[in-house]
Amino acid sequence: MALNIGENLPGFELPATDGREYDHKSIKGDKATVVMFWCNHCPYVVPNQDRIIEMQDEYRDKGVNFAAVCVNNDVTHPSDSFENMKIRAKEKGYNFPYLHDESQKIAVEFGAERTPEVFLFDGKAKLVYHGRIDDSHEDITLARSHDLRNAIDAVLSGETPSVQKTGAVGCSIKWK
């Protein structure tokens, strides 16, 4: 079962592609934190990489931090191995931590089912939005509903997002 709106950011500590360990406190933004379930192979994640990099650039100075977590079974999906995650993060210039959860424990705690799937927490680490990035995973110019962006903007304005939950669209998490 997924986290409910209003629940706290779950605690964790995971290795990242940059060689560091991150925990739930170190990824937290002053105003908001976006935790994304992510992977290398998913055709829904791949076209979103650049827009997420751009969003992190845009929102970092406003107190919003992004982090991506890959939990996929790398035996059945070797492109999602930690080594391949490191290559992808470097090639794309990820400006957010790309975390590896080999145990898949974090996905279970969040109730994540898809990649990409986003969880937005406010400055008090309370869940305020869960779901998709927007309504056009392939081409940002076709998006009519910028759900994650709208939710972030609401939080930054001190408001509750008008849409707090949408269905995540993407590949299923590859469980062990």
N, C-alpha and C. Protein backbone atom coordinates (compact mmCIF):
# COMPACT_ATOMS: atom_id res chain seq x y z
N MET A 1 0.84 -1.17 0.00
CA MET A 1 0.00 0.00 0.00
C MET A 1 0.89 1.24 0.00
N ALA A 2 0.56 2.21 -0.83
CA ALA A 2 1.36 3.43 -0.96
C ALA A 2 1.20 4.33 0.26
N LEU A 3 2.21 5.16 0.48
CA LEU A 3 2.11 6.18 1.52
C LEU A 3 0.86 7.01 1.29
N ASN A 4 0.25 7.44 2.34
CA ASN A 4 -0.91 8.32 2.24
C ASN A 4 -0.47 9.77 2.33
N ILE A 5 -1.24 10.64 1.72
CA ILE A 5 -0.99 12.06 1.82
C ILE A 5 -0.93 12.42 3.30
N GLY A 6 0.07 13.20 3.68
CA GLY A 6 0.25 13.61 5.07
C GLY A 6 1.23 12.75 5.85
N GLU A 7 1.61 11.59 5.31
CA GLU A 7 2.57 10.73 6.01
C GLU A 7 3.99 11.27 5.82
N ASN A 8 4.85 10.88 6.75
CA ASN A 8 6.24 11.33 6.75
C ASN A 8 7.11 10.62 5.72
N LEU A 9 8.14 11.32 5.27
CA LEU A 9 9.18 10.73 4.43
C LEU A 9 9.81 9.58 5.20
N PRO A 10 9.75 8.37 4.66
CA PRO A 10 10.35 7.23 5.36
C PRO A 10 11.87 7.37 5.50
N GLY A 11 12.39 6.82 6.58
CA GLY A 11 13.83 6.83 6.80
C GLY A 11 14.52 5.79 5.93
N PHE A 12 15.72 6.13 5.47
CA PHE A 12 16.53 5.20 4.69
C PHE A 12 17.96 5.71 4.62
N GLU A 13 18.86 4.84 4.21
CA GLU A 13 20.24 5.19 3.88
C GLU A 13 20.65 4.29 2.73
N LEU A 14 21.06 4.92 1.62
CA LEU A 14 21.37 4.17 0.40
C LEU A 14 22.63 4.71 -0.27
N PRO A 15 23.35 3.82 -0.96
CA PRO A 15 24.49 4.28 -1.76
C PRO A 15 24.00 4.96 -3.04
N ALA A 16 24.80 5.92 -3.49
CA ALA A 16 24.47 6.65 -4.72
C ALA A 16 25.57 6.48 -5.76
N THR A 17 25.21 6.84 -6.97
CA THR A 17 26.14 6.69 -8.10
C THR A 17 27.34 7.61 -7.99
N ASP A 18 27.28 8.64 -7.15
CA ASP A 18 28.41 9.55 -6.98
C ASP A 18 29.40 9.07 -5.92
N GLY A 19 29.18 7.84 -5.39
CA GLY A 19 30.10 7.25 -4.42
C GLY A 19 29.78 7.59 -2.97
N ARG A 20 28.75 8.41 -2.76
CA ARG A 20 28.36 8.78 -1.41
C ARG A 20 27.18 7.95 -0.93
N GLU A 21 26.95 8.00 0.37
CA GLU A 21 25.76 7.42 0.99
C GLU A 21 24.82 8.58 1.31
N TYR A 22 23.55 8.41 1.03
CA TYR A 22 22.56 9.43 1.35
C TYR A 22 21.50 8.81 2.23
N ASP A 23 21.00 9.62 3.16
CA ASP A 23 19.86 9.18 3.93
C ASP A 23 18.71 10.17 3.69
N HIS A 24 17.57 9.87 4.28
CA HIS A 24 16.39 10.70 4.07
C HIS A 24 16.61 12.14 4.52
N LYS A 25 17.48 12.36 5.49
CA LYS A 25 17.75 13.71 5.96
C LYS A 25 18.64 14.48 4.98
N SER A 26 19.61 13.80 4.39
CA SER A 26 20.56 14.49 3.51
C SER A 26 19.97 14.84 2.15
N ILE A 27 18.91 14.18 1.74
CA ILE A 27 18.28 14.53 0.46
C ILE A 27 17.20 15.59 0.63
N LYS A 28 16.81 15.86 1.86
CA LYS A 28 15.68 16.74 2.14
C LYS A 28 15.99 18.19 1.73
N GLY A 29 15.05 18.79 1.01
CA GLY A 29 15.14 20.20 0.68
C GLY A 29 14.49 21.03 1.78
N ASP A 30 14.91 22.28 1.89
CA ASP A 30 14.32 23.16 2.91
C ASP A 30 12.83 23.35 2.70
N LYS A 31 12.40 23.45 1.45
CA LYS A 31 10.99 23.72 1.13
C LYS A 31 10.25 22.49 0.62
N ALA A 32 10.95 21.61 -0.09
CA ALA A 32 10.29 20.42 -0.65
C ALA A 32 11.34 19.39 -1.08
N THR A 33 10.90 18.15 -1.12
CA THR A 33 11.76 17.03 -1.53
C THR A 33 10.98 16.15 -2.49
N VAL A 34 11.59 15.85 -3.62
CA VAL A 34 10.98 14.96 -4.61
C VAL A 34 11.77 13.66 -4.61
N VAL A 35 11.11 12.56 -4.29
CA VAL A 35 11.71 11.24 -4.38
C VAL A 35 11.05 10.54 -5.56
N MET A 36 11.89 10.11 -6.51
CA MET A 36 11.39 9.47 -7.74
C MET A 36 11.87 8.03 -7.79
N PHE A 37 10.97 7.12 -8.10
CA PHE A 37 11.39 5.76 -8.39
C PHE A 37 11.69 5.73 -9.87
N TRP A 38 12.86 5.22 -10.22
CA TRP A 38 13.53 5.50 -11.49
C TRP A 38 14.30 4.26 -11.90
N CYS A 39 14.70 4.18 -13.14
CA CYS A 39 15.60 3.13 -13.59
C CYS A 39 16.21 3.52 -14.93
N ASN A 40 17.10 2.71 -15.42
CA ASN A 40 17.77 3.01 -16.69
C ASN A 40 16.99 2.56 -17.91
N HIS A 41 16.33 1.42 -17.82
CA HIS A 41 15.79 0.79 -19.03
C HIS A 41 14.39 1.26 -19.44
N CYS A 42 13.63 1.80 -18.53
CA CYS A 42 12.21 2.07 -18.77
C CYS A 42 11.99 3.15 -19.84
N PRO A 43 11.20 2.85 -20.86
CA PRO A 43 10.94 3.84 -21.91
C PRO A 43 10.06 5.00 -21.44
N TYR A 44 9.56 4.94 -20.22
CA TYR A 44 8.83 6.06 -19.64
C TYR A 44 9.77 6.98 -18.86
N VAL A 45 10.83 6.41 -18.31
CA VAL A 45 11.83 7.20 -17.58
C VAL A 45 12.73 7.95 -18.56
N VAL A 46 13.22 7.25 -19.58
CA VAL A 46 14.23 7.83 -20.49
C VAL A 46 13.84 9.21 -21.02
N PRO A 47 12.63 9.41 -21.55
CA PRO A 47 12.31 10.75 -22.05
C PRO A 47 12.10 11.80 -20.95
N ASN A 48 12.02 11.37 -19.71
CA ASN A 48 11.84 12.31 -18.60
C ASN A 48 13.15 12.78 -17.98
N GLN A 49 14.25 12.17 -18.35
CA GLN A 49 15.53 12.51 -17.72
C GLN A 49 15.87 14.00 -17.85
N ASP A 50 15.81 14.51 -19.07
CA ASP A 50 16.19 15.91 -19.29
C ASP A 50 15.26 16.87 -18.57
N ARG A 51 13.96 16.58 -18.58
CA ARG A 51 13.04 17.51 -17.91
C ARG A 51 13.22 17.50 -16.40
N ILE A 52 13.60 16.37 -15.83
CA ILE A 52 13.86 16.33 -14.39
C ILE A 52 15.16 17.06 -14.06
N ILE A 53 16.18 16.89 -14.89
CA ILE A 53 17.43 17.64 -14.70
C ILE A 53 17.13 19.15 -14.75
N GLU A 54 16.33 19.57 -15.70
CA GLU A 54 15.95 20.99 -15.82
C GLU A 54 15.15 21.45 -14.60
N MET A 55 14.23 20.60 -14.13
CA MET A 55 13.44 20.98 -12.96
C MET A 55 14.33 21.12 -11.72
N GLN A 56 15.30 20.20 -11.55
CA GLN A 56 16.20 20.33 -10.40
C GLN A 56 17.00 21.62 -10.50
N ASP A 57 17.49 21.94 -11.70
CA ASP A 57 18.21 23.22 -11.90
C ASP A 57 17.33 24.40 -11.53
N GLU A 58 16.09 24.38 -11.97
CA GLU A 58 15.17 25.48 -11.74
C GLU A 58 14.79 25.63 -10.26
N TYR A 59 14.58 24.53 -9.58
CA TYR A 59 14.04 24.57 -8.22
C TYR A 59 15.07 24.47 -7.10
N ARG A 60 16.30 24.11 -7.41
CA ARG A 60 17.31 23.91 -6.35
C ARG A 60 17.45 25.17 -5.48
N ASP A 61 17.61 26.32 -6.10
CA ASP A 61 17.80 27.56 -5.35
C ASP A 61 16.54 28.01 -4.62
N LYS A 62 15.43 27.34 -4.89
CA LYS A 62 14.17 27.65 -4.20
C LYS A 62 13.95 26.70 -3.02
N GLY A 63 14.95 25.84 -2.75
CA GLY A 63 14.86 24.94 -1.60
C GLY A 63 14.23 23.59 -1.89
N VAL A 64 14.25 23.16 -3.18
CA VAL A 64 13.66 21.88 -3.56
C VAL A 64 14.78 20.94 -4.00
N ASN A 65 14.85 19.78 -3.39
CA ASN A 65 15.82 18.76 -3.78
C ASN A 65 15.12 17.56 -4.40
N PHE A 66 15.74 17.01 -5.42
CA PHE A 66 15.27 15.81 -6.08
C PHE A 66 16.22 14.66 -5.76
N ALA A 67 15.70 13.45 -5.72
CA ALA A 67 16.51 12.23 -5.60
C ALA A 67 15.79 11.13 -6.35
N ALA A 68 16.55 10.28 -7.03
CA ALA A 68 15.98 9.14 -7.75
C ALA A 68 16.45 7.86 -7.09
N VAL A 69 15.57 6.87 -7.05
CA VAL A 69 15.89 5.58 -6.44
C VAL A 69 15.61 4.48 -7.45
N CYS A 70 16.62 3.67 -7.71
CA CYS A 70 16.43 2.49 -8.57
C CYS A 70 16.36 1.27 -7.67
N VAL A 71 15.26 0.52 -7.79
CA VAL A 71 15.05 -0.67 -6.96
C VAL A 71 14.92 -1.93 -7.80
N ASN A 72 15.04 -1.81 -9.11
CA ASN A 72 14.77 -2.95 -9.99
C ASN A 72 15.74 -4.10 -9.78
N ASN A 73 15.24 -5.29 -10.03
CA ASN A 73 16.02 -6.52 -9.98
C ASN A 73 17.02 -6.48 -11.14
N ASP A 74 18.30 -6.35 -10.80
CA ASP A 74 19.30 -6.24 -11.87
C ASP A 74 19.75 -7.59 -12.42
N VAL A 75 19.25 -8.67 -11.86
CA VAL A 75 19.51 -9.99 -12.44
C VAL A 75 18.65 -10.16 -13.69
N THR A 76 17.38 -9.81 -13.58
CA THR A 76 16.48 -9.91 -14.73
C THR A 76 16.59 -8.70 -15.65
N HIS A 77 17.09 -7.58 -15.12
CA HIS A 77 17.24 -6.34 -15.89
C HIS A 77 18.62 -5.76 -15.65
N PRO A 78 19.65 -6.36 -16.27
CA PRO A 78 21.03 -5.95 -16.01
C PRO A 78 21.34 -4.49 -16.35
N SER A 79 20.55 -3.88 -17.22
CA SER A 79 20.79 -2.46 -17.53
C SER A 79 20.52 -1.58 -16.32
N ASP A 80 19.84 -2.11 -15.30
CA ASP A 80 19.55 -1.37 -14.08
C ASP A 80 20.52 -1.69 -12.94
N SER A 81 21.65 -2.32 -13.26
CA SER A 81 22.64 -2.63 -12.23
C SER A 81 23.26 -1.34 -11.69
N PHE A 82 23.85 -1.42 -10.53
CA PHE A 82 24.47 -0.24 -9.92
C PHE A 82 25.56 0.33 -10.83
N GLU A 83 26.34 -0.54 -11.45
CA GLU A 83 27.40 -0.06 -12.36
C GLU A 83 26.79 0.68 -13.54
N ASN A 84 25.72 0.15 -14.10
CA ASN A 84 25.06 0.84 -15.23
C ASN A 84 24.35 2.12 -14.78
N MET A 85 23.89 2.15 -13.54
CA MET A 85 23.32 3.39 -12.99
C MET A 85 24.39 4.48 -12.96
N LYS A 86 25.61 4.10 -12.53
CA LYS A 86 26.71 5.06 -12.46
C LYS A 86 27.02 5.63 -13.85
N ILE A 87 27.03 4.76 -14.84
CA ILE A 87 27.30 5.19 -16.22
C ILE A 87 26.22 6.15 -16.69
N ARG A 88 24.95 5.80 -16.47
CA ARG A 88 23.84 6.66 -16.90
C ARG A 88 23.90 8.02 -16.23
N ALA A 89 24.10 8.04 -14.93
CA ALA A 89 24.14 9.31 -14.19
C ALA A 89 25.24 10.22 -14.73
N LYS A 90 26.38 9.63 -15.02
CA LYS A 90 27.50 10.42 -15.55
C LYS A 90 27.22 10.90 -16.97
N GLU A 91 26.75 10.00 -17.83
CA GLU A 91 26.45 10.36 -19.23
C GLU A 91 25.42 11.47 -19.32
N LYS A 92 24.37 11.39 -18.51
CA LYS A 92 23.28 12.37 -18.57
C LYS A 92 23.56 13.61 -17.72
N GLY A 93 24.54 13.54 -16.85
CA GLY A 93 24.82 14.67 -15.98
C GLY A 93 23.74 14.87 -14.92
N TYR A 94 23.31 13.77 -14.31
CA TYR A 94 22.30 13.88 -13.25
C TYR A 94 22.78 14.86 -12.19
N ASN A 95 21.94 15.80 -11.84
CA ASN A 95 22.25 16.81 -10.85
C ASN A 95 21.49 16.55 -9.55
N PHE A 96 21.15 15.31 -9.35
CA PHE A 96 20.45 14.85 -8.15
C PHE A 96 21.02 13.48 -7.80
N PRO A 97 20.94 13.08 -6.54
CA PRO A 97 21.44 11.76 -6.17
C PRO A 97 20.63 10.66 -6.87
N TYR A 98 21.35 9.68 -7.40
CA TYR A 98 20.73 8.50 -8.01
C TYR A 98 21.08 7.34 -7.10
N LEU A 99 20.10 6.91 -6.32
CA LEU A 99 20.30 5.96 -5.23
C LEU A 99 19.97 4.53 -5.65
N HIS A 100 20.70 3.60 -5.08
CA HIS A 100 20.51 2.18 -5.39
C HIS A 100 19.95 1.46 -4.17
N ASP A 101 18.78 0.85 -4.34
CA ASP A 101 18.14 0.09 -3.26
C ASP A 101 18.05 -1.36 -3.69
N GLU A 102 19.16 -2.05 -3.53
CA GLU A 102 19.22 -3.46 -3.94
C GLU A 102 18.20 -4.32 -3.20
N SER A 103 17.92 -3.99 -1.94
CA SER A 103 17.01 -4.78 -1.12
C SER A 103 15.54 -4.58 -1.51
N GLN A 104 15.24 -3.50 -2.22
CA GLN A 104 13.89 -3.11 -2.61
C GLN A 104 13.02 -2.70 -1.42
N LYS A 105 13.63 -2.56 -0.26
CA LYS A 105 12.90 -2.20 0.96
C LYS A 105 12.24 -0.84 0.85
N ILE A 106 12.93 0.11 0.23
CA ILE A 106 12.40 1.48 0.16
C ILE A 106 11.14 1.53 -0.71
N ALA A 107 11.15 0.81 -1.81
CA ALA A 107 9.96 0.77 -2.67
C ALA A 107 8.77 0.22 -1.91
N VAL A 108 9.01 -0.79 -1.09
CA VAL A 108 7.93 -1.36 -0.29
C VAL A 108 7.43 -0.33 0.74
N GLU A 109 8.35 0.37 1.39
CA GLU A 109 7.95 1.36 2.40
C GLU A 109 7.15 2.51 1.78
N PHE A 110 7.54 2.92 0.58
CA PHE A 110 6.82 3.98 -0.10
C PHE A 110 5.53 3.47 -0.74
N GLY A 111 5.51 2.18 -1.06
CA GLY A 111 4.39 1.63 -1.80
C GLY A 111 4.50 1.93 -3.28
N ALA A 112 5.72 2.13 -3.75
CA ALA A 112 5.96 2.42 -5.17
C ALA A 112 5.70 1.18 -6.01
N GLU A 113 5.17 1.40 -7.20
CA GLU A 113 4.86 0.31 -8.11
C GLU A 113 5.45 0.50 -9.50
N ARG A 114 5.83 1.73 -9.85
CA ARG A 114 6.19 2.05 -11.24
C ARG A 114 7.46 2.90 -11.31
N THR A 115 7.99 2.94 -12.52
CA THR A 115 9.05 3.89 -12.86
C THR A 115 8.61 4.61 -14.11
N PRO A 116 8.58 5.94 -14.10
CA PRO A 116 8.81 6.80 -12.96
C PRO A 116 7.56 6.93 -12.09
N GLU A 117 7.79 7.11 -10.82
CA GLU A 117 6.72 7.39 -9.86
C GLU A 117 7.28 8.38 -8.86
N VAL A 118 6.59 9.50 -8.65
CA VAL A 118 7.13 10.56 -7.80
C VAL A 118 6.32 10.74 -6.52
N PHE A 119 7.06 11.09 -5.48
CA PHE A 119 6.52 11.40 -4.17
C PHE A 119 7.08 12.76 -3.78
N LEU A 120 6.22 13.75 -3.59
CA LEU A 120 6.64 15.09 -3.21
C LEU A 120 6.30 15.33 -1.74
N PHE A 121 7.32 15.73 -0.98
CA PHE A 121 7.18 16.02 0.44
C PHE A 121 7.41 17.51 0.65
N ASP A 122 6.66 18.10 1.57
CA ASP A 122 6.83 19.52 1.86
C ASP A 122 8.05 19.72 2.77
N GLY A 123 8.27 20.95 3.22
CA GLY A 123 9.42 21.27 4.05
C GLY A 123 9.42 20.58 5.40
N LYS A 124 8.28 20.08 5.83
CA LYS A 124 8.18 19.33 7.08
C LYS A 124 8.26 17.83 6.84
N ALA A 125 8.60 17.45 5.59
CA ALA A 125 8.75 16.05 5.19
C ALA A 125 7.43 15.28 5.22
N LYS A 126 6.32 15.97 4.97
CA LYS A 126 4.99 15.35 4.86
C LYS A 126 4.65 15.18 3.39
N LEU A 127 4.11 14.02 3.03
CA LEU A 127 3.74 13.76 1.64
C LEU A 127 2.58 14.66 1.23
N VAL A 128 2.77 15.40 0.12
CA VAL A 128 1.72 16.30 -0.36
C VAL A 128 1.27 15.97 -1.79
N TYR A 129 2.07 15.16 -2.51
CA TYR A 129 1.69 14.77 -3.87
C TYR A 129 2.35 13.43 -4.17
N HIS A 130 1.59 12.57 -4.89
CA HIS A 130 2.09 11.26 -5.30
C HIS A 130 1.52 10.94 -6.66
N GLY A 131 2.39 10.56 -7.59
CA GLY A 131 1.90 10.13 -8.90
C GLY A 131 2.87 10.35 -10.03
N ARG A 132 2.34 10.93 -11.11
CA ARG A 132 3.11 11.10 -12.34
C ARG A 132 3.81 12.46 -12.36
N ILE A 133 4.74 12.59 -13.30
CA ILE A 133 5.43 13.86 -13.52
C ILE A 133 4.50 14.81 -14.24
N ASP A 134 3.91 14.36 -15.32
CA ASP A 134 2.92 15.12 -16.08
C ASP A 134 2.14 14.15 -16.95
N ASP A 135 1.30 14.65 -17.81
CA ASP A 135 0.44 13.77 -18.61
C ASP A 135 1.01 13.43 -19.99
N SER A 136 2.29 13.68 -20.21
CA SER A 136 2.91 13.34 -21.49
C SER A 136 4.34 12.86 -21.24
N HIS A 137 4.49 11.58 -21.05
CA HIS A 137 5.81 11.05 -20.72
C HIS A 137 6.81 11.16 -21.87
N GLU A 138 6.32 11.24 -23.09
CA GLU A 138 7.25 11.24 -24.23
C GLU A 138 7.69 12.63 -24.66
N ASP A 139 6.78 13.59 -24.69
CA ASP A 139 7.09 14.89 -25.26
C ASP A 139 6.52 15.99 -24.36
N ILE A 140 7.40 16.72 -23.70
CA ILE A 140 6.97 17.75 -22.76
C ILE A 140 6.10 18.81 -23.44
N THR A 141 6.31 19.04 -24.72
CA THR A 141 5.52 20.06 -25.41
C THR A 141 4.06 19.65 -25.56
N LEU A 142 3.77 18.36 -25.38
CA LEU A 142 2.39 17.88 -25.48
C LEU A 142 1.69 17.81 -24.12
N ALA A 143 2.43 18.07 -23.05
CA ALA A 143 1.85 17.99 -21.71
C ALA A 143 0.83 19.11 -21.51
N ARG A 144 -0.33 18.72 -20.99
CA ARG A 144 -1.38 19.69 -20.66
C ARG A 144 -1.52 19.85 -19.15
N SER A 145 -1.10 18.84 -18.42
CA SER A 145 -1.21 18.87 -16.97
C SER A 145 0.18 18.60 -16.37
N HIS A 146 0.80 19.63 -15.87
CA HIS A 146 2.15 19.54 -15.31
C HIS A 146 2.05 19.27 -13.81
N ASP A 147 1.64 18.06 -13.48
CA ASP A 147 1.23 17.71 -12.12
C ASP A 147 2.32 17.93 -11.07
N LEU A 148 3.51 17.40 -11.31
CA LEU A 148 4.58 17.56 -10.32
C LEU A 148 4.96 19.03 -10.19
N ARG A 149 5.15 19.71 -11.30
CA ARG A 149 5.51 21.13 -11.28
C ARG A 149 4.44 21.95 -10.55
N ASN A 150 3.18 21.68 -10.84
CA ASN A 150 2.09 22.41 -10.17
C ASN A 150 2.11 22.17 -8.66
N ALA A 151 2.37 20.94 -8.27
CA ALA A 151 2.41 20.60 -6.85
C ALA A 151 3.59 21.30 -6.16
N ILE A 152 4.74 21.30 -6.80
CA ILE A 152 5.91 22.00 -6.24
C ILE A 152 5.60 23.48 -6.09
N ASP A 153 5.06 24.08 -7.14
CA ASP A 153 4.74 25.52 -7.09
C ASP A 153 3.76 25.83 -5.97
N ALA A 154 2.79 24.97 -5.75
CA ALA A 154 1.83 25.17 -4.66
C ALA A 154 2.55 25.15 -3.32
N VAL A 155 3.40 24.15 -3.11
CA VAL A 155 4.14 24.05 -1.86
C VAL A 155 5.00 25.29 -1.64
N LEU A 156 5.67 25.75 -2.69
CA LEU A 156 6.53 26.93 -2.57
C LEU A 156 5.72 28.20 -2.27
N SER A 157 4.44 28.18 -2.63
CA SER A 157 3.55 29.31 -2.35
C SER A 157 2.85 29.17 -1.00
N GLY A 158 3.17 28.10 -0.27
CA GLY A 158 2.56 27.89 1.03
C GLY A 158 1.16 27.30 0.96
N GLU A 159 0.82 26.73 -0.19
CA GLU A 159 -0.51 26.18 -0.40
C GLU A 159 -0.46 24.65 -0.47
N THR A 160 -1.62 24.04 -0.35
CA THR A 160 -1.76 22.61 -0.56
C THR A 160 -1.98 22.40 -2.06
N PRO A 161 -1.27 21.44 -2.67
CA PRO A 161 -1.51 21.19 -4.09
C PRO A 161 -2.98 20.88 -4.36
N SER A 162 -3.53 21.45 -5.43
CA SER A 162 -4.94 21.21 -5.76
C SER A 162 -5.15 19.77 -6.20
N VAL A 163 -4.15 19.16 -6.80
CA VAL A 163 -4.18 17.74 -7.15
C VAL A 163 -3.09 17.07 -6.31
N GLN A 164 -3.50 16.15 -5.45
CA GLN A 164 -2.55 15.51 -4.56
C GLN A 164 -2.17 14.09 -4.98
N LYS A 165 -2.94 13.54 -5.89
CA LYS A 165 -2.66 12.17 -6.32
C LYS A 165 -3.08 11.99 -7.77
N THR A 166 -2.17 11.41 -8.54
CA THR A 166 -2.47 11.02 -9.92
C THR A 166 -1.93 9.60 -10.09
N GLY A 167 -2.38 8.92 -11.10
CA GLY A 167 -1.85 7.60 -11.38
C GLY A 167 -0.49 7.70 -12.05
N ALA A 168 0.50 7.02 -11.49
CA ALA A 168 1.81 6.98 -12.13
C ALA A 168 1.71 6.13 -13.38
N VAL A 169 2.35 6.61 -14.44
CA VAL A 169 2.36 5.89 -15.72
C VAL A 169 3.79 5.48 -15.99
N GLY A 170 4.01 4.19 -16.19
CA GLY A 170 5.36 3.73 -16.47
C GLY A 170 5.46 2.23 -16.39
N CYS A 171 6.69 1.77 -16.32
CA CYS A 171 6.96 0.34 -16.21
C CYS A 171 6.75 -0.12 -14.78
N SER A 172 6.37 -1.35 -14.61
CA SER A 172 6.26 -1.88 -13.25
C SER A 172 7.64 -2.08 -12.68
N ILE A 173 7.76 -1.93 -11.36
CA ILE A 173 9.02 -2.23 -10.70
C ILE A 173 9.30 -3.71 -10.91
N LYS A 174 10.56 -4.03 -11.16
CA LYS A 174 10.97 -5.42 -11.41
C LYS A 174 11.41 -6.02 -10.08
N TRP A 175 10.49 -6.78 -9.47
CA TRP A 175 10.72 -7.35 -8.14
C TRP A 175 11.57 -8.60 -8.22
N LYS A 176 12.24 -8.86 -7.12
CA LYS A 176 13.05 -10.08 -6.99
C LYS A 176 12.15 -11.23 -6.63
